[in-house]
């Protein structure tokens, strides 16, 4: 077989192996993160599966498109250089996809937590009645009772 064919076979084996390993690792360890992001285990599992499928499609599509090499390869060292270039690009694409997903999910999580934090933790106990103005009059502000007046100076000791 030609050196180029061997290079392609090694490239496919390494790239597909890396893709499967990274996808499984991210799916297993990302499940906990997704449960925190979505606060729903069933939704987190579904999103995790969709992310894994999208990861496989994008990465394996990139691997097959990047496999083509139009120049002749005359030596084993040139084949290794080309192979390292192609595998390196696959790893960079994997890393970029991973960081994009973490960034997007982190933003979604912060947004969800901000929405939850804007609601009061307890329902109000009661409501103040608003005085209804007579027609044609402007509403007057409600009078607030003043605290009792204390004389200046030291306070007498309690007995």
N, C-alpha and C. Protein backbone atom coordinates (compact mmCIF):
# COMPACT_ATOMS: atom_id res chain seq x y z
N UNK A 1 0.84 -1.18 0.00
CA UNK A 1 0.00 0.00 0.00
C UNK A 1 0.88 1.24 0.00
N UNK A 2 0.30 2.30 -0.51
CA UNK A 2 0.95 3.59 -0.58
C UNK A 2 1.04 4.22 0.82
N UNK A 3 2.07 5.06 1.05
CA UNK A 3 2.23 5.75 2.33
C UNK A 3 1.01 6.63 2.63
N UNK A 4 0.45 7.22 1.59
CA UNK A 4 -0.70 8.10 1.77
C UNK A 4 -1.91 7.34 2.29
N UNK A 5 -2.11 6.13 1.80
CA UNK A 5 -3.23 5.31 2.26
C UNK A 5 -3.05 4.96 3.74
N UNK A 6 -1.82 4.61 4.13
CA UNK A 6 -1.55 4.31 5.53
C UNK A 6 -1.80 5.54 6.40
N UNK A 7 -1.39 6.70 5.88
CA UNK A 7 -1.61 7.93 6.62
C UNK A 7 -3.11 8.16 6.83
N UNK A 8 -3.89 7.94 5.78
CA UNK A 8 -5.35 8.10 5.89
C UNK A 8 -5.93 7.13 6.91
N UNK A 9 -5.49 5.89 6.89
CA UNK A 9 -6.02 4.89 7.81
C UNK A 9 -5.67 5.24 9.27
N UNK A 10 -4.44 5.65 9.50
CA UNK A 10 -4.05 6.04 10.86
C UNK A 10 -4.82 7.28 11.28
N UNK A 11 -4.97 8.24 10.38
CA UNK A 11 -5.72 9.47 10.66
C UNK A 11 -7.16 9.15 11.05
N UNK A 12 -7.81 8.30 10.28
CA UNK A 12 -9.19 7.93 10.59
C UNK A 12 -9.29 7.20 11.92
N UNK A 13 -8.36 6.25 12.16
CA UNK A 13 -8.40 5.49 13.42
C UNK A 13 -8.20 6.41 14.62
N UNK A 14 -7.21 7.29 14.55
CA UNK A 14 -6.94 8.19 15.67
C UNK A 14 -8.08 9.18 15.86
N UNK A 15 -8.55 9.77 14.77
CA UNK A 15 -9.60 10.79 14.87
C UNK A 15 -10.92 10.21 15.36
N UNK A 16 -11.30 9.07 14.83
CA UNK A 16 -12.55 8.45 15.27
C UNK A 16 -12.43 7.97 16.72
N UNK A 17 -11.29 7.41 17.07
CA UNK A 17 -11.07 6.98 18.45
C UNK A 17 -11.13 8.16 19.42
N UNK A 18 -10.48 9.26 19.07
CA UNK A 18 -10.53 10.46 19.92
C UNK A 18 -11.94 11.00 20.02
N UNK A 19 -12.65 11.01 18.92
CA UNK A 19 -14.02 11.53 18.92
C UNK A 19 -14.92 10.71 19.84
N UNK A 20 -14.81 9.40 19.76
CA UNK A 20 -15.64 8.53 20.61
C UNK A 20 -15.27 8.70 22.08
N UNK A 21 -13.97 8.74 22.38
CA UNK A 21 -13.52 8.89 23.76
C UNK A 21 -13.97 10.22 24.35
N UNK A 22 -13.77 11.29 23.60
CA UNK A 22 -14.15 12.62 24.11
C UNK A 22 -15.67 12.71 24.27
N UNK A 23 -16.44 12.19 23.32
CA UNK A 23 -17.90 12.25 23.40
C UNK A 23 -18.41 11.49 24.63
N UNK A 24 -17.86 10.32 24.88
CA UNK A 24 -18.29 9.54 26.05
C UNK A 24 -17.91 10.24 27.35
N UNK A 25 -16.71 10.79 27.38
CA UNK A 25 -16.26 11.49 28.59
C UNK A 25 -17.12 12.72 28.86
N UNK A 26 -17.37 13.49 27.82
CA UNK A 26 -18.20 14.69 28.00
C UNK A 26 -19.63 14.33 28.37
N UNK A 27 -20.17 13.27 27.78
CA UNK A 27 -21.54 12.88 28.10
C UNK A 27 -21.65 12.42 29.55
N UNK A 28 -20.68 11.63 29.99
CA UNK A 28 -20.72 11.10 31.37
C UNK A 28 -20.52 12.22 32.39
N UNK A 29 -19.50 13.02 32.21
CA UNK A 29 -19.20 14.07 33.19
C UNK A 29 -20.06 15.31 33.00
N UNK A 30 -20.57 15.52 31.81
CA UNK A 30 -21.41 16.69 31.56
C UNK A 30 -22.83 16.53 32.07
N UNK A 31 -23.24 15.30 32.35
CA UNK A 31 -24.61 15.06 32.83
C UNK A 31 -24.88 15.82 34.13
N UNK A 32 -23.92 15.81 35.02
CA UNK A 32 -24.08 16.51 36.31
C UNK A 32 -24.22 18.01 36.08
N UNK A 33 -23.37 18.54 35.21
CA UNK A 33 -23.43 19.97 34.89
C UNK A 33 -24.77 20.33 34.26
N UNK A 34 -25.26 19.50 33.33
CA UNK A 34 -26.53 19.80 32.67
C UNK A 34 -27.71 19.71 33.64
N UNK A 35 -27.65 18.81 34.60
CA UNK A 35 -28.71 18.74 35.60
C UNK A 35 -28.75 20.02 36.42
N UNK A 36 -27.59 20.59 36.71
CA UNK A 36 -27.53 21.86 37.44
C UNK A 36 -28.04 22.99 36.56
N UNK A 37 -27.69 22.97 35.29
CA UNK A 37 -28.10 24.04 34.38
C UNK A 37 -29.61 24.06 34.20
N UNK A 38 -30.20 22.89 33.96
CA UNK A 38 -31.62 22.83 33.63
C UNK A 38 -32.53 22.54 34.82
N UNK A 39 -31.98 22.11 35.93
CA UNK A 39 -32.76 21.79 37.14
C UNK A 39 -33.86 20.77 36.86
N UNK A 40 -33.62 19.90 35.88
CA UNK A 40 -34.58 18.87 35.52
C UNK A 40 -33.77 17.71 34.93
N UNK A 41 -33.77 16.57 35.61
CA UNK A 41 -32.93 15.44 35.20
C UNK A 41 -33.31 14.91 33.82
N UNK A 42 -34.60 14.82 33.56
CA UNK A 42 -35.06 14.30 32.26
C UNK A 42 -34.64 15.21 31.11
N UNK A 43 -34.81 16.51 31.29
CA UNK A 43 -34.40 17.47 30.26
C UNK A 43 -32.89 17.45 30.09
N UNK A 44 -32.16 17.35 31.18
CA UNK A 44 -30.69 17.30 31.10
C UNK A 44 -30.22 16.09 30.32
N UNK A 45 -30.85 14.94 30.54
CA UNK A 45 -30.49 13.72 29.81
C UNK A 45 -30.77 13.87 28.32
N UNK A 46 -31.90 14.46 27.98
CA UNK A 46 -32.26 14.65 26.57
C UNK A 46 -31.29 15.63 25.90
N UNK A 47 -30.98 16.72 26.56
CA UNK A 47 -30.03 17.69 25.99
C UNK A 47 -28.65 17.06 25.85
N UNK A 48 -28.25 16.26 26.84
CA UNK A 48 -26.97 15.58 26.77
C UNK A 48 -26.90 14.67 25.54
N UNK A 49 -27.95 13.91 25.30
CA UNK A 49 -27.97 13.03 24.12
C UNK A 49 -27.93 13.84 22.82
N UNK A 50 -28.65 14.95 22.77
CA UNK A 50 -28.62 15.78 21.57
C UNK A 50 -27.24 16.40 21.34
N UNK A 51 -26.60 16.81 22.42
CA UNK A 51 -25.25 17.36 22.30
C UNK A 51 -24.26 16.31 21.80
N UNK A 52 -24.40 15.08 22.27
CA UNK A 52 -23.51 14.01 21.82
C UNK A 52 -23.71 13.74 20.33
N UNK A 53 -24.95 13.67 19.89
CA UNK A 53 -25.22 13.44 18.46
C UNK A 53 -24.66 14.59 17.62
N UNK A 54 -24.91 15.82 18.04
CA UNK A 54 -24.37 16.97 17.32
C UNK A 54 -22.85 16.96 17.32
N UNK A 55 -22.25 16.56 18.43
CA UNK A 55 -20.80 16.48 18.52
C UNK A 55 -20.25 15.46 17.52
N UNK A 56 -20.87 14.29 17.46
CA UNK A 56 -20.44 13.27 16.49
C UNK A 56 -20.59 13.78 15.05
N UNK A 57 -21.72 14.37 14.74
CA UNK A 57 -21.94 14.84 13.38
C UNK A 57 -20.93 15.90 12.97
N UNK A 58 -20.74 16.90 13.82
CA UNK A 58 -19.80 17.97 13.49
C UNK A 58 -18.37 17.46 13.39
N UNK A 59 -17.96 16.68 14.36
CA UNK A 59 -16.57 16.27 14.38
C UNK A 59 -16.25 15.24 13.31
N UNK A 60 -17.09 14.26 13.13
CA UNK A 60 -16.83 13.26 12.08
C UNK A 60 -16.97 13.87 10.69
N UNK A 61 -17.86 14.83 10.55
CA UNK A 61 -17.95 15.56 9.28
C UNK A 61 -16.67 16.33 9.01
N UNK A 62 -16.13 16.97 10.03
CA UNK A 62 -14.87 17.70 9.85
C UNK A 62 -13.73 16.74 9.54
N UNK A 63 -13.68 15.59 10.22
CA UNK A 63 -12.62 14.61 9.99
C UNK A 63 -12.63 14.14 8.54
N UNK A 64 -13.80 13.86 8.02
CA UNK A 64 -13.85 13.37 6.64
C UNK A 64 -13.53 14.47 5.62
N UNK A 65 -13.95 15.69 5.87
CA UNK A 65 -13.63 16.79 4.95
C UNK A 65 -12.14 17.10 4.99
N UNK A 66 -11.53 17.06 6.18
CA UNK A 66 -10.12 17.39 6.32
C UNK A 66 -9.20 16.24 5.93
N UNK A 67 -9.73 15.10 5.58
CA UNK A 67 -8.90 13.95 5.24
C UNK A 67 -8.18 14.13 3.90
N UNK A 68 -8.76 14.84 3.01
CA UNK A 68 -8.21 15.00 1.67
C UNK A 68 -6.86 15.70 1.71
N UNK A 69 -5.92 15.16 0.96
CA UNK A 69 -4.59 15.77 0.83
C UNK A 69 -4.16 15.60 -0.62
N UNK A 70 -4.04 16.71 -1.36
CA UNK A 70 -3.79 16.65 -2.80
C UNK A 70 -2.33 16.43 -3.18
N UNK A 71 -1.40 16.79 -2.30
CA UNK A 71 0.02 16.65 -2.63
C UNK A 71 0.48 15.21 -2.44
N UNK A 72 1.51 14.83 -3.19
CA UNK A 72 2.11 13.51 -3.03
C UNK A 72 2.94 13.49 -1.75
N UNK A 73 2.94 12.35 -1.10
CA UNK A 73 3.74 12.19 0.12
C UNK A 73 4.81 11.17 -0.19
N UNK A 74 6.07 11.62 -0.18
CA UNK A 74 7.17 10.76 -0.61
C UNK A 74 7.87 10.03 0.50
N UNK A 75 7.68 10.45 1.75
CA UNK A 75 8.42 9.80 2.83
C UNK A 75 7.52 9.60 4.04
N UNK A 76 7.99 8.71 4.91
CA UNK A 76 7.25 8.44 6.13
C UNK A 76 7.25 9.66 7.05
N UNK A 77 8.35 10.38 7.09
CA UNK A 77 8.41 11.56 7.95
C UNK A 77 7.42 12.63 7.47
N UNK A 78 7.29 12.79 6.17
CA UNK A 78 6.30 13.76 5.62
C UNK A 78 4.89 13.29 5.97
N UNK A 79 4.64 11.99 5.92
CA UNK A 79 3.32 11.44 6.27
C UNK A 79 3.02 11.71 7.75
N UNK A 80 4.04 11.55 8.62
CA UNK A 80 3.83 11.81 10.05
C UNK A 80 3.55 13.29 10.30
N UNK A 81 4.25 14.17 9.58
CA UNK A 81 4.01 15.61 9.74
C UNK A 81 2.58 15.97 9.32
N UNK A 82 2.15 15.44 8.21
CA UNK A 82 0.80 15.72 7.72
C UNK A 82 -0.24 15.12 8.68
N UNK A 83 0.05 13.93 9.17
CA UNK A 83 -0.86 13.28 10.11
C UNK A 83 -0.98 14.09 11.40
N UNK A 84 0.13 14.59 11.91
CA UNK A 84 0.07 15.38 13.14
C UNK A 84 -0.68 16.68 12.91
N UNK A 85 -0.54 17.27 11.75
CA UNK A 85 -1.27 18.49 11.41
C UNK A 85 -2.78 18.22 11.41
N UNK A 86 -3.18 17.14 10.76
CA UNK A 86 -4.60 16.82 10.65
C UNK A 86 -5.20 16.44 12.01
N UNK A 87 -4.50 15.64 12.80
CA UNK A 87 -5.01 15.25 14.12
C UNK A 87 -5.03 16.47 15.04
N UNK A 88 -4.04 17.34 14.93
CA UNK A 88 -4.02 18.57 15.72
C UNK A 88 -5.22 19.44 15.42
N UNK A 89 -5.58 19.56 14.15
CA UNK A 89 -6.77 20.34 13.79
C UNK A 89 -8.04 19.72 14.36
N UNK A 90 -8.11 18.39 14.33
CA UNK A 90 -9.27 17.71 14.92
C UNK A 90 -9.36 18.04 16.41
N UNK A 91 -8.23 18.00 17.11
CA UNK A 91 -8.23 18.30 18.55
C UNK A 91 -8.62 19.75 18.81
N UNK A 92 -8.17 20.66 17.97
CA UNK A 92 -8.55 22.07 18.14
C UNK A 92 -10.05 22.26 17.92
N UNK A 93 -10.61 21.57 16.93
CA UNK A 93 -12.05 21.66 16.69
C UNK A 93 -12.82 21.08 17.88
N UNK A 94 -12.35 19.94 18.40
CA UNK A 94 -13.00 19.34 19.58
C UNK A 94 -12.97 20.31 20.76
N UNK A 95 -11.82 20.92 21.01
CA UNK A 95 -11.70 21.87 22.11
C UNK A 95 -12.59 23.09 21.91
N UNK A 96 -12.63 23.63 20.70
CA UNK A 96 -13.46 24.81 20.42
C UNK A 96 -14.94 24.48 20.62
N UNK A 97 -15.38 23.33 20.14
CA UNK A 97 -16.79 22.94 20.34
C UNK A 97 -17.10 22.78 21.83
N UNK A 98 -16.18 22.18 22.56
CA UNK A 98 -16.41 21.98 23.98
C UNK A 98 -16.52 23.32 24.71
N UNK A 99 -15.60 24.24 24.47
CA UNK A 99 -15.64 25.53 25.16
C UNK A 99 -16.86 26.35 24.75
N UNK A 100 -17.27 26.25 23.50
CA UNK A 100 -18.48 26.96 23.08
C UNK A 100 -19.70 26.42 23.84
N UNK A 101 -19.81 25.11 23.94
CA UNK A 101 -20.95 24.51 24.65
C UNK A 101 -20.95 24.90 26.13
N UNK A 102 -19.80 24.85 26.77
CA UNK A 102 -19.72 25.21 28.19
C UNK A 102 -20.09 26.68 28.37
N UNK A 103 -19.61 27.55 27.49
CA UNK A 103 -19.91 28.97 27.57
C UNK A 103 -21.42 29.21 27.41
N UNK A 104 -22.01 28.61 26.38
CA UNK A 104 -23.45 28.82 26.12
C UNK A 104 -24.30 28.27 27.27
N UNK A 105 -23.96 27.10 27.77
CA UNK A 105 -24.74 26.53 28.87
C UNK A 105 -24.53 27.32 30.16
N UNK A 106 -23.34 27.82 30.38
CA UNK A 106 -23.08 28.66 31.55
C UNK A 106 -23.89 29.94 31.52
N UNK A 107 -24.00 30.55 30.35
CA UNK A 107 -24.82 31.76 30.22
C UNK A 107 -26.29 31.45 30.49
N UNK A 108 -26.76 30.33 29.95
CA UNK A 108 -28.16 29.93 30.19
C UNK A 108 -28.40 29.71 31.67
N UNK A 109 -27.45 29.04 32.36
CA UNK A 109 -27.59 28.76 33.78
C UNK A 109 -27.63 30.06 34.58
N UNK A 110 -26.73 31.00 34.29
CA UNK A 110 -26.73 32.28 35.01
C UNK A 110 -28.04 33.03 34.79
N UNK A 111 -28.56 32.98 33.58
CA UNK A 111 -29.83 33.65 33.28
C UNK A 111 -30.96 33.02 34.07
N UNK A 112 -30.97 31.70 34.13
CA UNK A 112 -32.03 31.00 34.88
C UNK A 112 -31.93 31.31 36.37
N UNK A 113 -30.71 31.33 36.91
CA UNK A 113 -30.54 31.63 38.33
C UNK A 113 -30.92 33.08 38.64
N UNK A 114 -30.64 33.99 37.72
CA UNK A 114 -31.01 35.39 37.91
C UNK A 114 -32.53 35.53 37.94
N UNK A 115 -33.23 34.79 37.08
CA UNK A 115 -34.70 34.85 37.07
C UNK A 115 -35.27 34.30 38.37
N UNK A 116 -34.69 33.22 38.87
CA UNK A 116 -35.17 32.64 40.12
C UNK A 116 -34.90 33.57 41.29
N UNK A 117 -33.79 34.28 41.26
CA UNK A 117 -33.43 35.17 42.37
C UNK A 117 -34.29 36.42 42.40
N UNK A 118 -34.94 36.78 41.31
CA UNK A 118 -35.73 38.01 41.30
C UNK A 118 -37.08 37.84 41.98
N UNK A 119 -37.49 36.63 42.25
CA UNK A 119 -38.76 36.40 42.93
C UNK A 119 -38.53 36.40 44.44
N UNK A 120 -39.44 36.99 45.22
CA UNK A 120 -39.24 37.00 46.66
C UNK A 120 -39.30 35.59 47.22
N UNK A 121 -38.53 35.32 48.27
CA UNK A 121 -38.52 33.97 48.82
C UNK A 121 -39.81 33.60 49.54
N UNK A 122 -40.53 34.60 50.08
CA UNK A 122 -41.79 34.34 50.79
C UNK A 122 -42.89 35.23 50.23
N UNK A 123 -44.11 34.74 50.29
CA UNK A 123 -45.24 35.55 49.86
C UNK A 123 -45.47 36.66 50.88
N UNK A 124 -45.96 37.81 50.47
CA UNK A 124 -46.23 38.88 51.43
C UNK A 124 -47.32 38.47 52.41
N UNK A 125 -47.19 38.95 53.64
CA UNK A 125 -48.16 38.62 54.69
C UNK A 125 -49.45 39.40 54.51
N UNK A 126 -49.34 40.63 54.11
CA UNK A 126 -50.52 41.46 53.93
C UNK A 126 -50.21 42.62 53.02
N UNK A 127 -51.20 43.41 52.75
CA UNK A 127 -51.05 44.55 51.87
C UNK A 127 -51.59 45.80 52.58
N UNK A 128 -51.00 46.94 52.31
CA UNK A 128 -51.49 48.19 52.86
C UNK A 128 -52.60 48.72 51.98
N UNK A 129 -53.63 49.23 52.63
CA UNK A 129 -54.74 49.80 51.87
C UNK A 129 -54.31 51.16 51.34
N UNK A 130 -54.60 51.42 50.12
CA UNK A 130 -54.29 52.71 49.51
C UNK A 130 -55.54 53.59 49.61
N UNK A 131 -55.41 54.80 50.18
CA UNK A 131 -56.58 55.68 50.27
C UNK A 131 -57.01 56.09 48.85
N UNK A 132 -58.29 56.02 48.63
CA UNK A 132 -58.83 56.39 47.33
C UNK A 132 -59.15 57.87 47.32
N UNK A 133 -58.57 58.65 46.42
CA UNK A 133 -58.86 60.09 46.38
C UNK A 133 -60.26 60.34 45.82
N UNK A 134 -60.85 61.39 46.32
CA UNK A 134 -62.16 61.80 45.77
C UNK A 134 -61.90 62.29 44.34
N UNK A 135 -62.86 62.22 43.52
CA UNK A 135 -62.67 62.63 42.13
C UNK A 135 -62.28 64.10 42.05
N UNK A 136 -61.31 64.37 41.25
CA UNK A 136 -60.86 65.73 41.05
C UNK A 136 -59.80 66.17 42.03
N UNK A 137 -59.46 65.34 43.03
CA UNK A 137 -58.42 65.71 43.98
C UNK A 137 -57.18 64.86 43.71
N UNK A 138 -56.03 65.38 44.08
CA UNK A 138 -54.79 64.64 43.95
C UNK A 138 -54.61 63.76 45.18
N UNK A 139 -54.05 62.59 45.01
CA UNK A 139 -53.86 61.71 46.18
C UNK A 139 -52.85 62.31 47.14
N UNK A 140 -53.15 62.18 48.44
CA UNK A 140 -52.26 62.67 49.48
C UNK A 140 -51.41 61.48 49.96
N UNK A 141 -50.15 61.75 50.26
CA UNK A 141 -49.33 60.65 50.76
C UNK A 141 -49.84 60.20 52.13
N UNK A 142 -49.73 58.92 52.39
CA UNK A 142 -50.17 58.37 53.68
C UNK A 142 -49.27 58.88 54.78
N UNK A 143 -49.88 59.17 55.95
CA UNK A 143 -49.09 59.64 57.08
C UNK A 143 -48.50 58.45 57.80
N UNK A 144 -47.22 58.59 58.12
CA UNK A 144 -46.53 57.52 58.83
C UNK A 144 -46.39 57.94 60.28
N UNK A 145 -46.68 57.06 61.20
CA UNK A 145 -46.52 57.41 62.62
C UNK A 145 -45.06 57.67 62.94
N UNK A 146 -44.81 58.67 63.76
CA UNK A 146 -43.46 59.02 64.14
C UNK A 146 -43.06 58.18 65.36
N UNK A 147 -41.79 57.82 65.43
CA UNK A 147 -41.36 57.05 66.61
C UNK A 147 -41.40 57.95 67.84
N UNK A 148 -41.57 57.39 69.03
CA UNK A 148 -41.64 58.21 70.26
C UNK A 148 -40.36 59.02 70.43
N UNK A 149 -40.55 60.24 70.93
CA UNK A 149 -39.41 61.13 71.12
C UNK A 149 -38.67 60.76 72.39
N UNK A 150 -37.35 60.63 72.30
CA UNK A 150 -36.53 60.32 73.47
C UNK A 150 -35.69 61.56 73.78
N UNK A 151 -35.59 61.91 75.00
CA UNK A 151 -34.76 63.06 75.36
C UNK A 151 -33.29 62.74 75.13
N UNK A 152 -32.53 63.77 74.79
CA UNK A 152 -31.10 63.59 74.56
C UNK A 152 -30.41 63.33 75.89
N UNK A 153 -29.32 62.64 75.86
CA UNK A 153 -28.57 62.40 77.08
C UNK A 153 -28.52 60.91 77.36
N UNK A 154 -27.90 60.55 78.46
CA UNK A 154 -27.78 59.13 78.78
C UNK A 154 -29.11 58.52 79.15
N UNK A 155 -29.27 57.29 78.81
CA UNK A 155 -30.51 56.60 79.15
C UNK A 155 -30.43 56.11 80.59
N UNK A 156 -31.52 56.20 81.31
CA UNK A 156 -31.50 55.76 82.73
C UNK A 156 -31.33 54.25 82.78
N UNK A 157 -30.65 53.74 83.81
CA UNK A 157 -30.46 52.29 83.90
C UNK A 157 -31.77 51.58 84.17
N UNK A 158 -31.91 50.42 83.64
CA UNK A 158 -33.13 49.61 83.83
C UNK A 158 -33.11 49.01 85.22
N UNK A 159 -34.29 48.94 85.87
CA UNK A 159 -34.38 48.41 87.22
C UNK A 159 -34.99 47.06 87.25
